[in-house]
Amino acid sequence: MYVDGYLLAVPTANKDLYRAHATQTAAIFKELGALAVVECWGDEVPTGKLNSMHTAVLRKDDETVVFSWVMWPDKATRDAGNQKAYEDPRMSPETNPMPLDGSRLIYGGFDVLVSG
């Protein structure tokens, strides 16, 4: 498997807008081969002494940390799926706007070492 991971800050007032955005995006990724899409709204996210999820995304007082991941069967499926998603008009900012500051979104692709 291959996993894309995301960490972001979403205005707390935009929770329902984010849920709608994420639901639409998840359906598209699943159409394109994703095995699962998980979106997690921060509930118990401690502030660290040196660093934390809050500081990583430069969270503001009126924002909530969101942790998400997309599971793919392999990297090739992920690469093809992402390419098609970027070309899909349903993913355009006009059609499916992100209700957050995307410049502070942190993401990366990961090979799975352990899955239980």
PDB file of N, CA and C in Angstrom:
ATOM      1  N   MET A   1       0.830  -1.187   0.000  1.00  0.00           N
ATOM      2  CA  MET A   1       0.000   0.000   0.000  1.00  0.00           C
ATOM      3  C   MET A   1       0.872   1.248   0.000  1.00  0.00           C
ATOM      4  N   TYR A   2       0.243   2.348  -0.333  1.00  0.00           N
ATOM      5  CA  TYR A   2       0.880   3.655  -0.321  1.00  0.00           C
ATOM      6  C   TYR A   2      -0.118   4.620   0.319  1.00  0.00           C
ATOM      7  N   VAL A   3       0.378   5.550   1.127  1.00  0.00           N
ATOM      8  CA  VAL A   3      -0.498   6.466   1.857  1.00  0.00           C
ATOM      9  C   VAL A   3      -0.055   7.908   1.624  1.00  0.00           C
ATOM     10  N   ASP A   4      -1.022   8.757   1.312  1.00  0.00           N
ATOM     11  CA  ASP A   4      -0.806  10.202   1.310  1.00  0.00           C
ATOM     12  C   ASP A   4      -1.330  10.714   2.636  1.00  0.00           C
ATOM     13  N   GLY A   5      -0.507  11.472   3.377  1.00  0.00           N
ATOM     14  CA  GLY A   5      -0.907  12.016   4.661  1.00  0.00           C
ATOM     15  C   GLY A   5      -0.987  13.526   4.607  1.00  0.00           C
ATOM     16  N   TYR A   6      -1.937  14.086   5.348  1.00  0.00           N
ATOM     17  CA  TYR A   6      -2.174  15.529   5.352  1.00  0.00           C
ATOM     18  C   TYR A   6      -2.375  16.027   6.774  1.00  0.00           C
ATOM     19  N   LEU A   7      -1.847  17.191   7.056  1.00  0.00           N
ATOM     20  CA  LEU A   7      -2.060  17.884   8.318  1.00  0.00           C
ATOM     21  C   LEU A   7      -2.397  19.325   7.957  1.00  0.00           C
ATOM     22  N   LEU A   8      -3.493  19.850   8.494  1.00  0.00           N
ATOM     23  CA  LEU A   8      -3.921  21.188   8.112  1.00  0.00           C
ATOM     24  C   LEU A   8      -4.688  21.852   9.240  1.00  0.00           C
ATOM     25  N   ALA A   9      -4.888  23.139   9.101  1.00  0.00           N
ATOM     26  CA  ALA A   9      -5.684  23.916  10.051  1.00  0.00           C
ATOM     27  C   ALA A   9      -6.904  24.433   9.301  1.00  0.00           C
ATOM     28  N   VAL A  10      -8.076  24.177   9.874  1.00  0.00           N
ATOM     29  CA  VAL A  10      -9.334  24.590   9.253  1.00  0.00           C
ATOM     30  C   VAL A  10     -10.052  25.531  10.208  1.00  0.00           C
ATOM     31  N   PRO A  11     -10.564  26.660   9.714  1.00  0.00           N
ATOM     32  CA  PRO A  11     -11.361  27.506  10.596  1.00  0.00           C
ATOM     33  C   PRO A  11     -12.479  26.678  11.245  1.00  0.00           C
ATOM     34  N   THR A  12     -12.556  26.736  12.547  1.00  0.00           N
ATOM     35  CA  THR A  12     -13.529  25.933  13.280  1.00  0.00           C
ATOM     36  C   THR A  12     -14.946  26.194  12.782  1.00  0.00           C
ATOM     37  N   ALA A  13     -15.240  27.418  12.425  1.00  0.00           N
ATOM     38  CA  ALA A  13     -16.568  27.768  11.912  1.00  0.00           C
ATOM     39  C   ALA A  13     -16.858  27.100  10.564  1.00  0.00           C
ATOM     40  N   ASN A  14     -15.831  26.610   9.884  1.00  0.00           N
ATOM     41  CA  ASN A  14     -15.995  25.986   8.567  1.00  0.00           C
ATOM     42  C   ASN A  14     -16.073  24.463   8.632  1.00  0.00           C
ATOM     43  N   LYS A  15     -16.334  23.913   9.807  1.00  0.00           N
ATOM     44  CA  LYS A  15     -16.345  22.446   9.937  1.00  0.00           C
ATOM     45  C   LYS A  15     -17.312  21.792   8.946  1.00  0.00           C
ATOM     46  N   ASP A  16     -18.531  22.289   8.842  1.00  0.00           N
ATOM     47  CA  ASP A  16     -19.494  21.692   7.919  1.00  0.00           C
ATOM     48  C   ASP A  16     -19.080  21.881   6.462  1.00  0.00           C
ATOM     49  N   LEU A  17     -18.534  23.045   6.142  1.00  0.00           N
ATOM     50  CA  LEU A  17     -18.028  23.277   4.775  1.00  0.00           C
ATOM     51  C   LEU A  17     -16.875  22.327   4.468  1.00  0.00           C
ATOM     52  N   TYR A  18     -15.988  22.131   5.453  1.00  0.00           N
ATOM     53  CA  TYR A  18     -14.863  21.225   5.247  1.00  0.00           C
ATOM     54  C   TYR A  18     -15.367  19.795   5.069  1.00  0.00           C
ATOM     55  N   ARG A  19     -16.336  19.387   5.874  1.00  0.00           N
ATOM     56  CA  ARG A  19     -16.892  18.035   5.751  1.00  0.00           C
ATOM     57  C   ARG A  19     -17.463  17.824   4.339  1.00  0.00           C
ATOM     58  N   ALA A  20     -18.189  18.804   3.812  1.00  0.00           N
ATOM     59  CA  ALA A  20     -18.757  18.698   2.461  1.00  0.00           C
ATOM     60  C   ALA A  20     -17.641  18.607   1.413  1.00  0.00           C
ATOM     61  N   HIS A  21     -16.619  19.458   1.555  1.00  0.00           N
ATOM     62  CA  HIS A  21     -15.470  19.441   0.640  1.00  0.00           C
ATOM     63  C   HIS A  21     -14.780  18.081   0.698  1.00  0.00           C
ATOM     64  N   ALA A  22     -14.520  17.602   1.893  1.00  0.00           N
ATOM     65  CA  ALA A  22     -13.806  16.341   2.072  1.00  0.00           C
ATOM     66  C   ALA A  22     -14.623  15.155   1.566  1.00  0.00           C
ATOM     67  N   THR A  23     -15.921  15.194   1.750  1.00  0.00           N
ATOM     68  CA  THR A  23     -16.784  14.117   1.278  1.00  0.00           C
ATOM     69  C   THR A  23     -16.746  14.020  -0.242  1.00  0.00           C
ATOM     70  N   GLN A  24     -16.822  15.161  -0.901  1.00  0.00           N
ATOM     71  CA  GLN A  24     -16.767  15.177  -2.365  1.00  0.00           C
ATOM     72  C   GLN A  24     -15.392  14.717  -2.855  1.00  0.00           C
ATOM     73  N   THR A  25     -14.346  15.210  -2.225  1.00  0.00           N
ATOM     74  CA  THR A  25     -12.993  14.836  -2.616  1.00  0.00           C
ATOM     75  C   THR A  25     -12.749  13.345  -2.389  1.00  0.00           C
ATOM     76  N   ALA A  26     -13.226  12.812  -1.265  1.00  0.00           N
ATOM     77  CA  ALA A  26     -13.051  11.390  -0.969  1.00  0.00           C
ATOM     78  C   ALA A  26     -13.722  10.524  -2.024  1.00  0.00           C
ATOM     79  N   ALA A  27     -14.913  10.893  -2.438  1.00  0.00           N
ATOM     80  CA  ALA A  27     -15.619  10.116  -3.464  1.00  0.00           C
ATOM     81  C   ALA A  27     -14.827  10.092  -4.773  1.00  0.00           C
ATOM     82  N   ILE A  28     -14.237  11.211  -5.122  1.00  0.00           N
ATOM     83  CA  ILE A  28     -13.448  11.284  -6.357  1.00  0.00           C
ATOM     84  C   ILE A  28     -12.208  10.414  -6.240  1.00  0.00           C
ATOM     85  N   PHE A  29     -11.491  10.514  -5.121  1.00  0.00           N
ATOM     86  CA  PHE A  29     -10.294   9.687  -4.947  1.00  0.00           C
ATOM     87  C   PHE A  29     -10.644   8.199  -4.979  1.00  0.00           C
ATOM     88  N   LYS A  30     -11.773   7.821  -4.391  1.00  0.00           N
ATOM     89  CA  LYS A  30     -12.165   6.413  -4.405  1.00  0.00           C
ATOM     90  C   LYS A  30     -12.515   5.964  -5.826  1.00  0.00           C
ATOM     91  N   GLU A  31     -13.157   6.827  -6.605  1.00  0.00           N
ATOM     92  CA  GLU A  31     -13.406   6.515  -8.018  1.00  0.00           C
ATOM     93  C   GLU A  31     -12.104   6.260  -8.765  1.00  0.00           C
ATOM     94  N   LEU A  32     -11.049   6.956  -8.342  1.00  0.00           N
ATOM     95  CA  LEU A  32      -9.761   6.900  -9.035  1.00  0.00           C
ATOM     96  C   LEU A  32      -8.822   5.844  -8.455  1.00  0.00           C
ATOM     97  N   GLY A  33      -9.327   4.996  -7.554  1.00  0.00           N
ATOM     98  CA  GLY A  33      -8.530   3.873  -7.087  1.00  0.00           C
ATOM     99  C   GLY A  33      -8.129   3.865  -5.630  1.00  0.00           C
ATOM    100  N   ALA A  34      -8.429   4.921  -4.880  1.00  0.00           N
ATOM    101  CA  ALA A  34      -8.089   4.925  -3.454  1.00  0.00           C
ATOM    102  C   ALA A  34      -8.876   3.838  -2.733  1.00  0.00           C
ATOM    103  N   LEU A  35      -8.230   3.192  -1.776  1.00  0.00           N
ATOM    104  CA  LEU A  35      -8.884   2.162  -0.977  1.00  0.00           C
ATOM    105  C   LEU A  35      -9.711   2.778   0.139  1.00  0.00           C
ATOM    106  N   ALA A  36      -9.223   3.867   0.707  1.00  0.00           N
ATOM    107  CA  ALA A  36      -9.913   4.532   1.810  1.00  0.00           C
ATOM    108  C   ALA A  36      -9.431   5.970   1.913  1.00  0.00           C
ATOM    109  N   VAL A  37     -10.311   6.818   2.378  1.00  0.00           N
ATOM    110  CA  VAL A  37      -9.990   8.215   2.672  1.00  0.00           C
ATOM    111  C   VAL A  37     -10.503   8.489   4.078  1.00  0.00           C
ATOM    112  N   VAL A  38      -9.634   8.992   4.945  1.00  0.00           N
ATOM    113  CA  VAL A  38     -10.000   9.245   6.341  1.00  0.00           C
ATOM    114  C   VAL A  38      -9.715  10.704   6.658  1.00  0.00           C
ATOM    115  N   GLU A  39     -10.713  11.384   7.197  1.00  0.00           N
ATOM    116  CA  GLU A  39     -10.591  12.788   7.604  1.00  0.00           C
ATOM    117  C   GLU A  39     -10.888  12.862   9.097  1.00  0.00           C
ATOM    118  N   CYS A  40      -9.971  13.402   9.874  1.00  0.00           N
ATOM    119  CA  CYS A  40     -10.116  13.439  11.333  1.00  0.00           C
ATOM    120  C   CYS A  40     -10.065  14.872  11.841  1.00  0.00           C
ATOM    121  N   TRP A  41     -11.120  15.281  12.546  1.00  0.00           N
ATOM    122  CA  TRP A  41     -11.239  16.619  13.126  1.00  0.00           C
ATOM    123  C   TRP A  41     -10.593  16.596  14.505  1.00  0.00           C
ATOM    124  N   GLY A  42      -9.649  17.481  14.763  1.00  0.00           N
ATOM    125  CA  GLY A  42      -8.925  17.494  16.026  1.00  0.00           C
ATOM    126  C   GLY A  42      -9.838  17.571  17.235  1.00  0.00           C
ATOM    127  N   ASP A  43      -9.564  16.716  18.210  1.00  0.00           N
ATOM    128  CA  ASP A  43     -10.347  16.689  19.440  1.00  0.00           C
ATOM    129  C   ASP A  43      -9.418  16.830  20.640  1.00  0.00           C
ATOM    130  N   GLU A  44      -8.382  16.014  20.672  1.00  0.00           N
ATOM    131  CA  GLU A  44      -7.422  16.031  21.774  1.00  0.00           C
ATOM    132  C   GLU A  44      -6.032  16.137  21.153  1.00  0.00           C
ATOM    133  N   VAL A  45      -5.639  17.364  20.841  1.00  0.00           N
ATOM    134  CA  VAL A  45      -4.370  17.629  20.154  1.00  0.00           C
ATOM    135  C   VAL A  45      -3.522  18.509  21.069  1.00  0.00           C
ATOM    136  N   PRO A  46      -2.612  17.904  21.831  1.00  0.00           N
ATOM    137  CA  PRO A  46      -1.846  18.684  22.804  1.00  0.00           C
ATOM    138  C   PRO A  46      -0.864  19.649  22.140  1.00  0.00           C
ATOM    139  N   THR A  47      -0.607  20.712  22.841  1.00  0.00           N
ATOM    140  CA  THR A  47       0.416  21.665  22.428  1.00  0.00           C
ATOM    141  C   THR A  47       1.738  21.202  23.021  1.00  0.00           C
ATOM    142  N   GLY A  48       2.734  21.032  22.175  1.00  0.00           N
ATOM    143  CA  GLY A  48       4.027  20.551  22.646  1.00  0.00           C
ATOM    144  C   GLY A  48       4.896  21.667  23.193  1.00  0.00           C
ATOM    145  N   LYS A  49       5.948  21.279  23.895  1.00  0.00           N
ATOM    146  CA  LYS A  49       6.891  22.259  24.434  1.00  0.00           C
ATOM    147  C   LYS A  49       7.850  22.745  23.361  1.00  0.00           C
ATOM    148  N   LEU A  50       8.235  21.870  22.455  1.00  0.00           N
ATOM    149  CA  LEU A  50       9.151  22.236  21.383  1.00  0.00           C
ATOM    150  C   LEU A  50       8.411  22.418  20.064  1.00  0.00           C
ATOM    151  N   ASN A  51       7.526  21.482  19.750  1.00  0.00           N
ATOM    152  CA  ASN A  51       6.766  21.534  18.510  1.00  0.00           C
ATOM    153  C   ASN A  51       5.482  20.761  18.703  1.00  0.00           C
ATOM    154  N   SER A  52       4.523  20.966  17.838  1.00  0.00           N
ATOM    155  CA  SER A  52       3.251  20.259  17.912  1.00  0.00           C
ATOM    156  C   SER A  52       2.551  20.375  16.571  1.00  0.00           C
ATOM    157  N   MET A  53       1.456  19.672  16.444  1.00  0.00           N
ATOM    158  CA  MET A  53       0.648  19.793  15.230  1.00  0.00           C
ATOM    159  C   MET A  53       0.146  21.223  15.070  1.00  0.00           C
ATOM    160  N   HIS A  54      -0.134  21.889  16.179  1.00  0.00           N
ATOM    161  CA  HIS A  54      -0.606  23.273  16.140  1.00  0.00           C
ATOM    162  C   HIS A  54       0.431  24.189  15.483  1.00  0.00           C
ATOM    163  N   THR A  55       1.666  24.078  15.947  1.00  0.00           N
ATOM    164  CA  THR A  55       2.705  24.955  15.401  1.00  0.00           C
ATOM    165  C   THR A  55       3.105  24.538  13.994  1.00  0.00           C
ATOM    166  N   ALA A  56       3.019  23.254  13.678  1.00  0.00           N
ATOM    167  CA  ALA A  56       3.385  22.782  12.346  1.00  0.00           C
ATOM    168  C   ALA A  56       2.523  23.432  11.269  1.00  0.00           C
ATOM    169  N   VAL A  57       1.226  23.617  11.564  1.00  0.00           N
ATOM    170  CA  VAL A  57       0.321  24.204  10.573  1.00  0.00           C
ATOM    171  C   VAL A  57       0.009  25.677  10.867  1.00  0.00           C
ATOM    172  N   LEU A  58       0.732  26.248  11.827  1.00  0.00           N
ATOM    173  CA  LEU A  58       0.523  27.645  12.213  1.00  0.00           C
ATOM    174  C   LEU A  58      -0.945  27.918  12.542  1.00  0.00           C
ATOM    175  N   ARG A  59      -1.524  27.015  13.344  1.00  0.00           N
ATOM    176  CA  ARG A  59      -2.938  27.108  13.706  1.00  0.00           C
ATOM    177  C   ARG A  59      -3.232  28.413  14.436  1.00  0.00           C
ATOM    178  N   LYS A  60      -4.309  29.061  14.024  1.00  0.00           N
ATOM    179  CA  LYS A  60      -4.782  30.272  14.685  1.00  0.00           C
ATOM    180  C   LYS A  60      -5.810  29.887  15.746  1.00  0.00           C
ATOM    181  N   ASP A  61      -6.108  30.817  16.650  1.00  0.00           N
ATOM    182  CA  ASP A  61      -7.015  30.538  17.765  1.00  0.00           C
ATOM    183  C   ASP A  61      -8.397  30.063  17.321  1.00  0.00           C
ATOM    184  N   ASP A  62      -8.847  30.503  16.153  1.00  0.00           N
ATOM    185  CA  ASP A  62     -10.186  30.137  15.680  1.00  0.00           C
ATOM    186  C   ASP A  62     -10.154  28.968  14.696  1.00  0.00           C
ATOM    187  N   GLU A  63      -9.091  28.155  14.733  1.00  0.00           N
ATOM    188  CA  GLU A  63      -8.940  27.027  13.817  1.00  0.00           C
ATOM    189  C   GLU A  63      -8.790  25.711  14.589  1.00  0.00           C
ATOM    190  N   THR A  64      -9.044  24.619  13.890  1.00  0.00           N
ATOM    191  CA  THR A  64      -8.906  23.270  14.429  1.00  0.00           C
ATOM    192  C   THR A  64      -7.940  22.496  13.548  1.00  0.00           C
ATOM    193  N   VAL A  65      -7.095  21.661  14.159  1.00  0.00           N
ATOM    194  CA  VAL A  65      -6.169  20.815  13.412  1.00  0.00           C
ATOM    195  C   VAL A  65      -6.941  19.637  12.817  1.00  0.00           C
ATOM    196  N   VAL A  66      -6.669  19.353  11.546  1.00  0.00           N
ATOM    197  CA  VAL A  66      -7.262  18.214  10.852  1.00  0.00           C
ATOM    198  C   VAL A  66      -6.132  17.309  10.380  1.00  0.00           C
ATOM    199  N   PHE A  67      -6.300  16.014  10.608  1.00  0.00           N
ATOM    200  CA  PHE A  67      -5.325  15.005  10.200  1.00  0.00           C
ATOM    201  C   PHE A  67      -6.038  14.042   9.262  1.00  0.00           C
ATOM    202  N   SER A  68      -5.478  13.832   8.080  1.00  0.00           N
ATOM    203  CA  SER A  68      -6.157  13.037   7.061  1.00  0.00           C
ATOM    204  C   SER A  68      -5.172  12.137   6.345  1.00  0.00           C
ATOM    205  N   TRP A  69      -5.725  11.075   5.760  1.00  0.00           N
ATOM    206  CA  TRP A  69      -4.887  10.239   4.909  1.00  0.00           C
ATOM    207  C   TRP A  69      -5.734   9.544   3.856  1.00  0.00           C
ATOM    208  N   VAL A  70      -5.062   9.228   2.754  1.00  0.00           N
ATOM    209  CA  VAL A  70      -5.668   8.486   1.653  1.00  0.00           C
ATOM    210  C   VAL A  70      -4.832   7.237   1.455  1.00  0.00           C
ATOM    211  N   MET A  71      -5.477   6.076   1.499  1.00  0.00           N
ATOM    212  CA  MET A  71      -4.777   4.803   1.304  1.00  0.00           C
ATOM    213  C   MET A  71      -4.977   4.349  -0.136  1.00  0.00           C
ATOM    214  N   TRP A  72      -3.869   3.998  -0.777  1.00  0.00           N
ATOM    215  CA  TRP A  72      -3.870   3.530  -2.164  1.00  0.00           C
ATOM    216  C   TRP A  72      -3.297   2.112  -2.202  1.00  0.00           C
ATOM    217  N   PRO A  73      -3.652   1.314  -3.188  1.00  0.00           N
ATOM    218  CA  PRO A  73      -3.086  -0.036  -3.260  1.00  0.00           C
ATOM    219  C   PRO A  73      -1.580  -0.035  -3.520  1.00  0.00           C
ATOM    220  N   ASP A  74      -1.090   1.004  -4.222  1.00  0.00           N
ATOM    221  CA  ASP A  74       0.334   1.124  -4.526  1.00  0.00           C
ATOM    222  C   ASP A  74       0.608   2.540  -5.021  1.00  0.00           C
ATOM    223  N   LYS A  75       1.877   2.869  -5.157  1.00  0.00           N
ATOM    224  CA  LYS A  75       2.253   4.225  -5.565  1.00  0.00           C
ATOM    225  C   LYS A  75       1.837   4.532  -7.003  1.00  0.00           C
ATOM    226  N   ALA A  76       1.906   3.548  -7.883  1.00  0.00           N
ATOM    227  CA  ALA A  76       1.523   3.782  -9.280  1.00  0.00           C
ATOM    228  C   ALA A  76       0.048   4.177  -9.380  1.00  0.00           C
ATOM    229  N   THR A  77      -0.818   3.502  -8.609  1.00  0.00           N
ATOM    230  CA  THR A  77      -2.243   3.847  -8.603  1.00  0.00           C
ATOM    231  C   THR A  77      -2.434   5.244  -8.029  1.00  0.00           C
ATOM    232  N   ARG A  78      -1.688   5.556  -6.994  1.00  0.00           N
ATOM    233  CA  ARG A  78      -1.760   6.894  -6.390  1.00  0.00           C
ATOM    234  C   ARG A  78      -1.330   7.965  -7.374  1.00  0.00           C
ATOM    235  N   ASP A  79      -0.203   7.745  -8.060  1.00  0.00           N
ATOM    236  CA  ASP A  79       0.281   8.739  -9.016  1.00  0.00           C
ATOM    237  C   ASP A  79      -0.733   8.975 -10.133  1.00  0.00           C
ATOM    238  N   ALA A  80      -1.289   7.885 -10.668  1.00  0.00           N
ATOM    239  CA  ALA A  80      -2.284   8.010 -11.738  1.00  0.00           C
ATOM    240  C   ALA A  80      -3.557   8.667 -11.207  1.00  0.00           C
ATOM    241  N   GLY A  81      -3.988   8.277 -10.012  1.00  0.00           N
ATOM    242  CA  GLY A  81      -5.191   8.854  -9.416  1.00  0.00           C
ATOM    243  C   GLY A  81      -5.047  10.335  -9.139  1.00  0.00           C
ATOM    244  N   ASN A  82      -3.908  10.733  -8.593  1.00  0.00           N
ATOM    245  CA  ASN A  82      -3.681  12.156  -8.327  1.00  0.00           C
ATOM    246  C   ASN A  82      -3.662  12.962  -9.616  1.00  0.00           C
ATOM    247  N   GLN A  83      -3.031  12.440 -10.656  1.00  0.00           N
ATOM    248  CA  GLN A  83      -2.987  13.147 -11.929  1.00  0.00           C
ATOM    249  C   GLN A  83      -4.404  13.352 -12.467  1.00  0.00           C
ATOM    250  N   LYS A  84      -5.207  12.304 -12.433  1.00  0.00           N
ATOM    251  CA  LYS A  84      -6.587  12.415 -12.907  1.00  0.00           C
ATOM    252  C   LYS A  84      -7.402  13.356 -12.019  1.00  0.00           C
ATOM    253  N   ALA A  85      -7.148  13.336 -10.714  1.00  0.00           N
ATOM    254  CA  ALA A  85      -7.878  14.223  -9.802  1.00  0.00           C
ATOM    255  C   ALA A  85      -7.570  15.687 -10.109  1.00  0.00           C
ATOM    256  N   TYR A  86      -6.318  15.999 -10.378  1.00  0.00           N
ATOM    257  CA  TYR A  86      -5.954  17.384 -10.681  1.00  0.00           C
ATOM    258  C   TYR A  86      -6.585  17.865 -11.982  1.00  0.00           C
ATOM    259  N   GLU A  87      -6.890  16.939 -12.881  1.00  0.00           N
ATOM    260  CA  GLU A  87      -7.511  17.283 -14.157  1.00  0.00           C
ATOM    261  C   GLU A  87      -9.035  17.240 -14.090  1.00  0.00           C
ATOM    262  N   ASP A  88      -9.586  16.709 -13.012  1.00  0.00           N
ATOM    263  CA  ASP A  88     -11.029  16.529 -12.871  1.00  0.00           C
ATOM    264  C   ASP A  88     -11.690  17.866 -12.543  1.00  0.00           C
ATOM    265  N   PRO A  89     -12.656  18.308 -13.348  1.00  0.00           N
ATOM    266  CA  PRO A  89     -13.307  19.598 -13.076  1.00  0.00           C
ATOM    267  C   PRO A  89     -14.026  19.645 -11.727  1.00  0.00           C
ATOM    268  N   ARG A  90     -14.390  18.482 -11.171  1.00  0.00           N
ATOM    269  CA  ARG A  90     -15.038  18.468  -9.848  1.00  0.00           C
ATOM    270  C   ARG A  90     -14.072  18.862  -8.742  1.00  0.00           C
ATOM    271  N   MET A  91     -12.771  18.844  -9.033  1.00  0.00           N
ATOM    272  CA  MET A  91     -11.760  19.197  -8.039  1.00  0.00           C
ATOM    273  C   MET A  91     -11.299  20.651  -8.168  1.00  0.00           C
ATOM    274  N   SER A  92     -11.820  21.371  -9.142  1.00  0.00           N
ATOM    275  CA  SER A  92     -11.381  22.752  -9.339  1.00  0.00           C
ATOM    276  C   SER A  92     -11.817  23.623  -8.172  1.00  0.00           C
ATOM    277  N   PRO A  93     -11.052  24.652  -7.859  1.00  0.00           N
ATOM    278  CA  PRO A  93     -11.424  25.557  -6.759  1.00  0.00           C
ATOM    279  C   PRO A  93     -12.794  26.205  -6.952  1.00  0.00           C
ATOM    280  N   GLU A  94     -13.204  26.388  -8.195  1.00  0.00           N
ATOM    281  CA  GLU A  94     -14.519  26.985  -8.459  1.00  0.00           C
ATOM    282  C   GLU A  94     -15.639  26.019  -8.105  1.00  0.00           C
ATOM    283  N   THR A  95     -15.431  24.734  -8.349  1.00  0.00           N
ATOM    284  CA  THR A  95     -16.446  23.714  -8.103  1.00  0.00           C
ATOM    285  C   THR A  95     -16.409  23.196  -6.673  1.00  0.00           C
ATOM    286  N   ASN A  96     -15.207  23.010  -6.134  1.00  0.00           N
ATOM    287  CA  ASN A  96     -15.036  22.409  -4.812  1.00  0.00           C
ATOM    288  C   ASN A  96     -13.988  23.215  -4.031  1.00  0.00           C
ATOM    289  N   PRO A  97     -14.339  24.446  -3.635  1.00  0.00           N
ATOM    290  CA  PRO A  97     -13.354  25.302  -2.964  1.00  0.00           C
ATOM    291  C   PRO A  97     -12.926  24.755  -1.607  1.00  0.00           C
ATOM    292  N   MET A  98     -11.642  24.932  -1.297  1.00  0.00           N
ATOM    293  CA  MET A  98     -11.133  24.515   0.013  1.00  0.00           C
ATOM    294  C   MET A  98     -11.509  25.578   1.045  1.00  0.00           C
ATOM    295  N   PRO A  99     -12.203  25.202   2.098  1.00  0.00           N
ATOM    296  CA  PRO A  99     -12.598  26.173   3.122  1.00  0.00           C
ATOM    297  C   PRO A  99     -11.497  26.372   4.175  1.00  0.00           C
ATOM    298  N   LEU A 100     -10.264  26.580   3.696  1.00  0.00           N
ATOM    299  CA  LEU A 100      -9.112  26.730   4.576  1.00  0.00           C
ATOM    300  C   LEU A 100      -7.988  27.399   3.804  1.00  0.00           C
ATOM    301  N   ASP A 101      -6.939  27.753   4.513  1.00  0.00           N
ATOM    302  CA  ASP A 101      -5.740  28.335   3.897  1.00  0.00           C
ATOM    303  C   ASP A 101      -4.828  27.192   3.457  1.00  0.00           C
ATOM    304  N   GLY A 102      -4.886  26.848   2.184  1.00  0.00           N
ATOM    305  CA  GLY A 102      -4.120  25.732   1.655  1.00  0.00           C
ATOM    306  C   GLY A 102      -2.618  25.918   1.713  1.00  0.00           C
ATOM    307  N   SER A 103      -2.157  27.144   1.896  1.00  0.00           N
ATOM    308  CA  SER A 103      -0.702  27.382   1.947  1.00  0.00           C
ATOM    309  C   SER A 103      -0.071  26.792   3.205  1.00  0.00           C
ATOM    310  N   ARG A 104      -0.893  26.492   4.230  1.00  0.00           N
ATOM    311  CA  ARG A 104      -0.371  25.921   5.479  1.00  0.00           C
ATOM    312  C   ARG A 104      -0.615  24.412   5.574  1.00  0.00           C
ATOM    313  N   LEU A 105      -1.132  23.820   4.512  1.00  0.00           N
ATOM    314  CA  LEU A 105      -1.373  22.383   4.476  1.00  0.00           C
ATOM    315  C   LEU A 105      -0.037  21.663   4.341  1.00  0.00           C
ATOM    316  N   ILE A 106       0.168  20.642   5.147  1.00  0.00           N
ATOM    317  CA  ILE A 106       1.383  19.834   5.100  1.00  0.00           C
ATOM    318  C   ILE A 106       0.990  18.466   4.570  1.00  0.00           C
ATOM    319  N   TYR A 107       1.745  17.947   3.618  1.00  0.00           N
ATOM    320  CA  TYR A 107       1.395  16.637   3.070  1.00  0.00           C
ATOM    321  C   TYR A 107       2.643  15.884   2.662  1.00  0.00           C
ATOM    322  N   GLY A 108       2.477  14.592   2.468  1.00  0.00           N
ATOM    323  CA  GLY A 108       3.560  13.762   1.991  1.00  0.00           C
ATOM    324  C   GLY A 108       3.040  12.391   1.627  1.00  0.00           C
ATOM    325  N   GLY A 109       3.834  11.656   0.825  1.00  0.00           N
ATOM    326  CA  GLY A 109       3.508  10.308   0.430  1.00  0.00           C
ATOM    327  C   GLY A 109       4.389   9.330   1.189  1.00  0.00           C
ATOM    328  N   PHE A 110       3.811   8.193   1.598  1.00  0.00           N
ATOM    329  CA  PHE A 110       4.501   7.269   2.483  1.00  0.00           C
ATOM    330  C   PHE A 110       4.334   5.814   2.049  1.00  0.00           C
ATOM    331  N   ASP A 111       5.433   5.076   2.092  1.00  0.00           N
ATOM    332  CA  ASP A 111       5.375   3.624   1.953  1.00  0.00           C
ATOM    333  C   ASP A 111       4.922   3.055   3.288  1.00  0.00           C
ATOM    334  N   VAL A 112       4.046   2.079   3.259  1.00  0.00           N
ATOM    335  CA  VAL A 112       3.534   1.476   4.484  1.00  0.00           C
ATOM    336  C   VAL A 112       4.537   0.457   5.009  1.00  0.00           C
ATOM    337  N   LEU A 113       4.939   0.616   6.270  1.00  0.00           N
ATOM    338  CA  LEU A 113       5.852  -0.320   6.925  1.00  0.00           C
ATOM    339  C   LEU A 113       5.093  -1.386   7.713  1.00  0.00           C
ATOM    340  N   VAL A 114       4.046  -0.955   8.426  1.00  0.00           N
ATOM    341  CA  VAL A 114       3.259  -1.870   9.255  1.00  0.00           C
ATOM    342  C   VAL A 114       1.802  -1.484   9.091  1.00  0.00           C
ATOM    343  N   SER A 115       0.945  -2.463   8.922  1.00  0.00           N
ATOM    344  CA  SER A 115      -0.496  -2.226   8.869  1.00  0.00           C
ATOM    345  C   SER A 115      -1.160  -3.353   9.646  1.00  0.00           C
ATOM    346  N   GLY A 116      -1.976  -2.999  10.613  1.00  0.00           N
ATOM    347  CA  GLY A 116      -2.570  -4.042  11.437  1.00  0.00           C
ATOM    348  C   GLY A 116      -4.058  -3.971  11.506  1.00  0.00           C
TER     349      GLY A 116
END
